[in-house]
Amino acid sequence: MDDVLLGSEVVKAPSRQFKVTGWLGNEGGALTRPALRFEAANDKSVVWSVPLTVDRARADVVQSTGQSAFANTGFLVELNAASLPAGQYHLYLVEGDGAAMRACDNGRHIELGS
C-alpha cells in the first residue's frame, strides 16, 4: 500500500486514497474476475470488491517461484475508499465466481480513519 509492505500487523492507511500493488497468478493459466476484497473486521457483511487488471511485469515473482508463466502477474490499483466506514479491514485477493471462487489470503489488514 503506497510502497509500504503489508505484513500481518494492521497498517494505518495514510488517507482514503492510496495505491495497492501485488501479484496474483494461477498455475492453470488465465484468471477469472480477479479482485481485491476489503472485508470489515467487525461486520462481515461490509465487503468492498475492487476489480483488478493483472498484467504488470513481475520478474521477482518468476525468480522466486521459478514459474515463467507468472511473468506478467502484477497489478497496481489506485483506490478511493471514501465510501467505506472507518475501521479495520481484512484485505485479500480473489478470482473466480460462486463456488469456484478462490482466495489468496496472507493475513493483511488495514485501518481506515475517519
Protein backbone atom coordinates (compact mmCIF):
# COMPACT_ATOMS: atom_id res chain seq x y z
CA MET A 1 0.00 0.00 0.00
CA ASP A 2 1.62 3.23 -1.17
CA ASP A 3 5.01 1.43 -1.25
CA VAL A 4 4.62 0.06 2.31
CA LEU A 5 4.95 -3.71 2.50
CA LEU A 6 1.98 -5.15 4.34
CA GLY A 7 2.73 -7.88 6.83
CA SER A 8 0.44 -9.49 9.36
CA GLU A 9 0.22 -6.35 11.53
CA VAL A 10 -2.53 -3.77 10.98
CA VAL A 11 -1.30 -0.85 8.84
CA LYS A 12 -2.99 2.54 9.06
CA ALA A 13 -3.90 3.88 5.62
CA PRO A 14 -2.28 7.29 5.05
CA SER A 15 -5.57 8.65 3.71
CA ARG A 16 -8.71 7.41 1.97
CA GLN A 17 -6.87 7.49 -1.37
CA PHE A 18 -3.98 5.05 -1.78
CA LYS A 19 -2.40 2.52 -4.13
CA VAL A 20 -2.16 -1.24 -3.66
CA THR A 21 0.31 -3.30 -5.69
CA GLY A 22 0.98 -7.01 -5.74
CA TRP A 23 0.63 -10.08 -7.87
CA LEU A 24 -1.88 -12.84 -8.45
CA GLY A 25 -1.17 -15.89 -10.55
CA ASN A 26 -2.80 -19.18 -11.38
CA GLU A 27 -0.69 -22.17 -12.40
CA GLY A 28 -3.63 -23.25 -14.54
CA GLY A 29 -3.46 -20.13 -16.71
CA ALA A 30 -5.96 -17.31 -17.05
CA LEU A 31 -7.62 -15.69 -14.05
CA THR A 32 -11.40 -15.24 -13.89
CA ARG A 33 -12.59 -11.93 -12.44
CA PRO A 34 -9.55 -11.17 -10.24
CA ALA A 35 -10.34 -8.71 -7.46
CA LEU A 36 -9.02 -7.14 -4.28
CA ARG A 37 -11.52 -7.54 -1.43
CA PHE A 38 -11.91 -5.49 1.73
CA GLU A 39 -13.92 -7.15 4.49
CA ALA A 40 -14.75 -5.22 7.66
CA ALA A 41 -13.23 -6.89 10.71
CA ASN A 42 -16.26 -6.17 12.89
CA ASP A 43 -19.01 -6.73 10.32
CA LYS A 44 -18.56 -9.49 7.71
CA SER A 45 -21.48 -8.08 5.71
CA VAL A 46 -19.40 -4.99 4.81
CA VAL A 47 -17.41 -6.10 1.77
CA TRP A 48 -15.89 -3.98 -0.98
CA SER A 49 -14.58 -5.75 -4.06
CA VAL A 50 -12.30 -3.91 -6.50
CA PRO A 51 -11.68 -5.48 -9.93
CA LEU A 52 -8.01 -5.95 -10.84
CA THR A 53 -6.17 -5.79 -14.13
CA VAL A 54 -3.38 -8.34 -13.78
CA ASP A 55 -0.83 -7.52 -16.47
CA ARG A 56 2.25 -5.88 -14.94
CA ALA A 57 5.69 -7.43 -15.31
CA ARG A 58 6.93 -9.19 -12.14
CA ALA A 59 10.41 -10.62 -12.72
CA ASP A 60 10.75 -11.01 -8.94
CA VAL A 61 7.81 -13.42 -8.91
CA VAL A 62 9.31 -15.50 -11.72
CA GLN A 63 12.63 -15.54 -9.83
CA SER A 64 11.08 -16.62 -6.52
CA THR A 65 8.61 -19.17 -7.90
CA GLY A 66 10.57 -20.49 -10.87
CA GLN A 67 7.37 -20.15 -12.92
CA SER A 68 7.88 -18.24 -16.19
CA ALA A 69 4.08 -18.21 -16.60
CA PHE A 70 3.97 -15.68 -13.74
CA ALA A 71 5.96 -13.04 -15.68
CA ASN A 72 3.00 -10.65 -16.03
CA THR A 73 1.00 -11.36 -12.88
CA GLY A 74 1.41 -7.95 -11.24
CA PHE A 75 -1.25 -5.36 -10.54
CA LEU A 76 -1.46 -1.77 -9.35
CA VAL A 77 -4.79 -0.30 -8.33
CA GLU A 78 -5.42 3.25 -7.15
CA LEU A 79 -8.24 3.35 -4.63
CA ASN A 80 -10.59 5.90 -3.16
CA ALA A 81 -12.08 4.26 -0.09
CA ALA A 82 -14.15 7.31 0.93
CA SER A 83 -17.39 5.30 0.79
CA LEU A 84 -16.23 2.74 3.38
CA PRO A 85 -16.92 3.28 7.08
CA ALA A 86 -13.89 3.95 9.27
CA GLY A 87 -12.45 0.84 10.86
CA GLN A 88 -10.23 -2.17 10.33
CA TYR A 89 -10.42 -4.18 7.11
CA HIS A 90 -9.07 -7.56 6.07
CA LEU A 91 -7.58 -7.40 2.54
CA TYR A 92 -7.28 -10.43 0.31
CA LEU A 93 -7.29 -11.40 -3.36
CA VAL A 94 -9.92 -13.49 -5.10
CA GLU A 95 -10.53 -14.94 -8.53
CA GLY A 96 -13.37 -16.98 -9.96
CA ASP A 97 -17.11 -16.98 -9.39
CA GLY A 98 -19.51 -18.52 -6.88
CA ALA A 99 -18.45 -21.96 -5.65
CA ALA A 100 -15.39 -21.78 -7.94
CA MET A 101 -14.09 -18.62 -6.21
CA ARG A 102 -10.60 -18.99 -4.78
CA ALA A 103 -8.93 -16.67 -2.28
CA CYS A 104 -5.32 -15.74 -1.68
CA ASP A 105 -5.14 -14.55 1.91
CA ASN A 106 -1.84 -13.59 3.52
CA GLY A 107 -3.45 -12.08 6.61
CA ARG A 108 -3.25 -8.42 5.51
CA HIS A 109 -5.21 -5.80 7.46
CA ILE A 110 -5.55 -2.03 7.17
CA GLU A 111 -7.13 0.63 9.35
CA LEU A 112 -9.14 3.33 7.60
CA GLY A 113 -9.51 6.52 9.62
CA SER A 114 -12.45 8.86 9.56
